[in-house]
Amino acid sequence: MAYDKFTVLRDTAVPLPTENVDTDQIIPARFLKATEREGFGDNLFRDWRYDVEGNPKKDFVLNDTTYFGKILVAGKNFGSGSSREHAVWAIYDYGFRCVVSSFFADIFKNNCLNIGVLPVTVSAEFADKLFAAITADPKTEIEISLPEQKITLLATGESESFDINEYKKDNMQNGFDDIDYLLNMSSEIDAFAASR
C-alpha cells in the first residue's frame, strides 16, 4: 500500500515525554480486529485519551489543543512490547508522519519504515532540548530533512543527524512499501525474465 512521500517535513510537534511506551498503550489489543489500515487513529492511545465512558481526558496531550502537528516527540524506548503493525497504522492514521525519540524498539522502528512514519533517533540531550522548546512555545517548528538525514530545531538552529537504511530511505522518499518497490521495477523484472 503506497503512502505519502516523505522528503522534508517542517511542522510543530506534540510532546509525549513518557518513557517505555509499549504498543498496547499506543493501540490497545481490543482494537486489533480490523485488517484494513484505516480508522485506527481514532483509538491511538485510547486508554490514555478517554475515560471508561469515552469522554476525553483533559490532561492527555492529544486532547490539549495547545499542541498539534505531524511530528510526535516521544520519550525513550518508544514502541516496545508486541510487534503489532497496528500501532504504526494508528500513528499514521492519526496524522503523524514522524516520531522522534532517543530510542525505539527495533520491530516498531522497522514497522514505521514499512508504513510511512519516519522514526528519527536523536541523542537524549537533543530530545530534552526538543521537549523544553515545545513546552516553552508550542508553535516551535522542527524540520526533518530525509535527504540530508538531519533534524533541526528551527528556533535555535541546533540540529542532529540521524541514520536510516538506504533502501528504506529511498522507499520513503518515493512513498513505496516493499510491494510498491517491486511493482516499480516490473519492467526490469520482465526484461530479466525474458532473458532467461
Protein backbone atom coordinates (compact mmCIF):
# COMPACT_ATOMS: atom_id res chain seq x y z
CA MET A 1 0.00 0.00 0.00
CA ALA A 2 1.55 3.29 -1.09
CA TYR A 3 1.76 6.09 1.44
CA ASP A 4 2.66 9.79 1.42
CA LYS A 5 6.11 10.61 0.06
CA PHE A 6 8.47 11.94 2.70
CA THR A 7 11.22 14.40 1.82
CA VAL A 8 11.27 17.43 4.13
CA LEU A 9 8.78 17.95 6.93
CA ARG A 10 8.64 21.32 8.68
CA ASP A 11 5.97 21.47 11.35
CA THR A 12 5.07 21.89 15.00
CA ALA A 13 5.19 18.87 17.32
CA VAL A 14 3.27 17.08 20.04
CA PRO A 15 5.36 16.21 23.11
CA LEU A 16 4.92 12.85 24.84
CA PRO A 17 7.91 12.52 27.22
CA THR A 18 6.65 9.32 28.86
CA GLU A 19 9.28 6.57 28.65
CA ASN A 20 8.72 2.89 27.81
CA VAL A 21 5.50 3.41 25.85
CA ASP A 22 4.56 -0.01 24.52
CA THR A 23 2.42 -0.92 21.55
CA ASP A 24 -0.53 -1.91 23.77
CA GLN A 25 -0.62 1.65 25.07
CA ILE A 26 -0.33 3.00 21.52
CA ILE A 27 -3.25 0.84 20.30
CA PRO A 28 -4.94 -1.47 22.82
CA ALA A 29 -5.33 -5.11 21.78
CA ARG A 30 -9.14 -4.92 21.73
CA PHE A 31 -8.92 -2.70 18.63
CA LEU A 32 -6.86 -5.12 16.52
CA LYS A 33 -9.75 -6.90 14.84
CA ALA A 34 -9.67 -4.87 11.62
CA THR A 35 -7.30 -5.79 8.82
CA GLU A 36 -7.55 -2.53 6.88
CA ARG A 37 -5.13 0.23 7.81
CA GLU A 38 -7.77 2.93 8.15
CA GLY A 39 -9.66 4.00 11.25
CA PHE A 40 -7.00 3.15 13.82
CA GLY A 41 -6.17 6.81 14.51
CA ASP A 42 -9.44 7.17 16.41
CA ASN A 43 -8.10 4.74 19.01
CA LEU A 44 -4.49 5.93 19.18
CA PHE A 45 -3.57 5.99 22.90
CA ARG A 46 -7.23 5.12 23.55
CA ASP A 47 -6.91 4.36 27.25
CA TRP A 48 -4.83 7.49 27.84
CA ARG A 49 -7.09 9.75 25.75
CA TYR A 50 -10.51 8.66 27.03
CA ASP A 51 -12.10 7.58 30.29
CA VAL A 52 -14.25 4.44 30.57
CA GLU A 53 -17.31 6.36 29.36
CA GLY A 54 -15.46 7.56 26.26
CA ASN A 55 -15.00 11.14 27.45
CA PRO A 56 -11.70 12.84 26.53
CA LYS A 57 -9.25 13.13 29.41
CA LYS A 58 -8.32 16.80 29.55
CA ASP A 59 -4.83 16.15 30.92
CA PHE A 60 -3.68 14.00 27.98
CA VAL A 61 -1.58 15.77 25.38
CA LEU A 62 -3.59 14.67 22.33
CA ASN A 63 -6.64 16.28 23.90
CA ASP A 64 -4.79 19.54 24.54
CA THR A 65 -5.31 21.87 21.58
CA THR A 66 -2.18 23.77 22.62
CA TYR A 67 -0.15 21.07 20.88
CA PHE A 68 -0.57 19.99 17.27
CA GLY A 69 1.43 18.95 14.23
CA LYS A 70 2.62 15.96 12.23
CA ILE A 71 5.60 15.26 14.49
CA LEU A 72 5.37 13.26 17.72
CA VAL A 73 8.33 13.76 20.06
CA ALA A 74 8.30 10.75 22.35
CA GLY A 75 10.15 9.52 25.42
CA LYS A 76 12.89 6.89 25.44
CA ASN A 77 12.07 3.30 24.41
CA PHE A 78 9.02 4.16 22.34
CA GLY A 79 7.15 1.26 20.71
CA SER A 80 8.32 -1.58 22.95
CA GLY A 81 6.22 -4.65 23.63
CA SER A 82 4.46 -6.74 20.99
CA SER A 83 5.28 -6.43 17.30
CA ARG A 84 1.84 -5.26 16.21
CA GLU A 85 1.85 -3.23 12.99
CA HIS A 86 -1.43 -1.71 14.08
CA ALA A 87 0.45 0.62 16.44
CA VAL A 88 2.10 2.34 13.49
CA TRP A 89 -1.14 2.23 11.48
CA ALA A 90 -2.76 4.18 14.33
CA ILE A 91 0.05 6.75 14.42
CA TYR A 92 -0.10 7.22 10.63
CA ASP A 93 -3.91 7.31 10.53
CA TYR A 94 -3.98 9.93 13.29
CA GLY A 95 -1.82 12.18 11.10
CA PHE A 96 1.70 11.84 12.45
CA ARG A 97 4.36 11.42 9.76
CA CYS A 98 7.40 11.39 12.04
CA VAL A 99 8.15 10.12 15.54
CA VAL A 100 11.28 11.41 17.30
CA SER A 101 12.77 9.57 20.27
CA SER A 102 16.11 8.83 21.86
CA PHE A 103 15.41 5.09 21.47
CA PHE A 104 12.94 2.92 19.55
CA ALA A 105 12.16 -0.76 19.88
CA ASP A 106 13.64 -2.42 16.77
CA ILE A 107 10.48 -4.08 15.45
CA PHE A 108 8.45 -0.92 15.95
CA LYS A 109 11.11 1.10 14.10
CA ASN A 110 11.03 -1.31 11.16
CA ASN A 111 7.22 -1.23 11.10
CA CYS A 112 7.40 2.57 10.92
CA LEU A 113 9.70 2.40 7.93
CA ASN A 114 7.38 -0.08 6.19
CA ILE A 115 4.26 2.02 6.77
CA GLY A 116 5.46 5.57 6.06
CA VAL A 117 6.18 7.01 9.51
CA LEU A 118 9.77 8.24 9.77
CA PRO A 119 11.38 7.18 13.07
CA VAL A 120 14.12 9.68 13.94
CA THR A 121 16.53 8.66 16.68
CA VAL A 122 18.25 11.54 18.46
CA SER A 123 20.50 11.82 21.48
CA ALA A 124 18.85 12.07 24.90
CA GLU A 125 20.26 15.60 25.18
CA PHE A 126 18.71 16.70 21.89
CA ALA A 127 15.39 15.10 22.86
CA ASP A 128 15.44 17.12 26.09
CA LYS A 129 16.04 20.30 24.08
CA LEU A 130 13.06 19.48 21.87
CA PHE A 131 10.78 18.85 24.85
CA ALA A 132 11.89 22.09 26.52
CA ALA A 133 11.40 24.14 23.35
CA ILE A 134 7.95 22.70 22.60
CA THR A 135 6.80 23.19 26.20
CA ALA A 136 8.05 26.79 26.22
CA ASP A 137 6.45 27.57 22.85
CA PRO A 138 4.02 25.04 21.34
CA LYS A 139 4.36 26.84 17.98
CA THR A 140 8.04 25.88 17.83
CA GLU A 141 8.81 24.31 14.47
CA ILE A 142 11.06 21.36 13.77
CA GLU A 143 12.42 20.49 10.36
CA ILE A 144 13.19 16.93 9.38
CA SER A 145 15.10 16.54 6.14
CA LEU A 146 15.16 12.95 4.95
CA PRO A 147 17.53 13.66 2.02
CA GLU A 148 20.05 15.24 4.42
CA GLN A 149 19.16 12.89 7.30
CA LYS A 150 19.01 15.87 9.62
CA ILE A 151 16.60 17.16 12.26
CA THR A 152 16.70 20.86 13.16
CA LEU A 153 15.12 22.85 15.96
CA LEU A 154 14.40 25.94 13.88
CA ALA A 155 14.15 28.39 16.79
CA THR A 156 17.81 27.85 17.71
CA GLY A 157 19.26 26.28 14.58
CA GLU A 158 20.50 23.31 16.60
CA SER A 159 20.47 20.08 14.65
CA GLU A 160 21.47 16.44 14.71
CA SER A 161 21.97 13.82 12.03
CA PHE A 162 20.06 10.56 12.08
CA ASP A 163 20.64 7.16 10.49
CA ILE A 164 18.35 5.32 8.10
CA ASN A 165 18.79 2.30 5.86
CA GLU A 166 19.33 3.49 2.27
CA TYR A 167 16.68 1.16 0.86
CA LYS A 168 14.08 2.38 3.35
CA LYS A 169 15.14 5.99 2.77
CA ASP A 170 14.56 5.60 -0.97
CA ASN A 171 11.20 3.93 -0.38
CA MET A 172 10.04 6.71 1.97
CA GLN A 173 11.07 9.42 -0.48
CA ASN A 174 9.02 7.67 -3.17
CA GLY A 175 6.07 6.70 -0.96
CA PHE A 176 6.72 2.99 -1.55
CA ASP A 177 6.23 0.00 0.67
CA ASP A 178 8.12 -3.21 -0.24
CA ILE A 179 5.47 -4.31 -2.76
CA ASP A 180 5.37 -0.88 -4.44
CA TYR A 181 9.16 -1.03 -4.77
CA LEU A 182 8.91 -4.32 -6.66
CA LEU A 183 6.00 -3.11 -8.80
CA ASN A 184 8.06 -0.05 -9.73
CA MET A 185 10.71 -2.44 -11.06
CA SER A 186 8.24 -4.55 -13.07
CA SER A 187 9.72 -3.65 -16.47
CA GLU A 188 13.20 -4.60 -15.25
CA ILE A 189 11.85 -7.84 -13.77
CA ASP A 190 10.05 -8.64 -17.04
CA ALA A 191 13.21 -7.94 -19.04
CA PHE A 192 15.24 -10.18 -16.75
CA ALA A 193 12.66 -12.97 -17.02
CA ALA A 194 12.59 -12.65 -20.81
CA SER A 195 16.37 -13.01 -20.99
CA ARG A 196 16.30 -16.35 -19.19
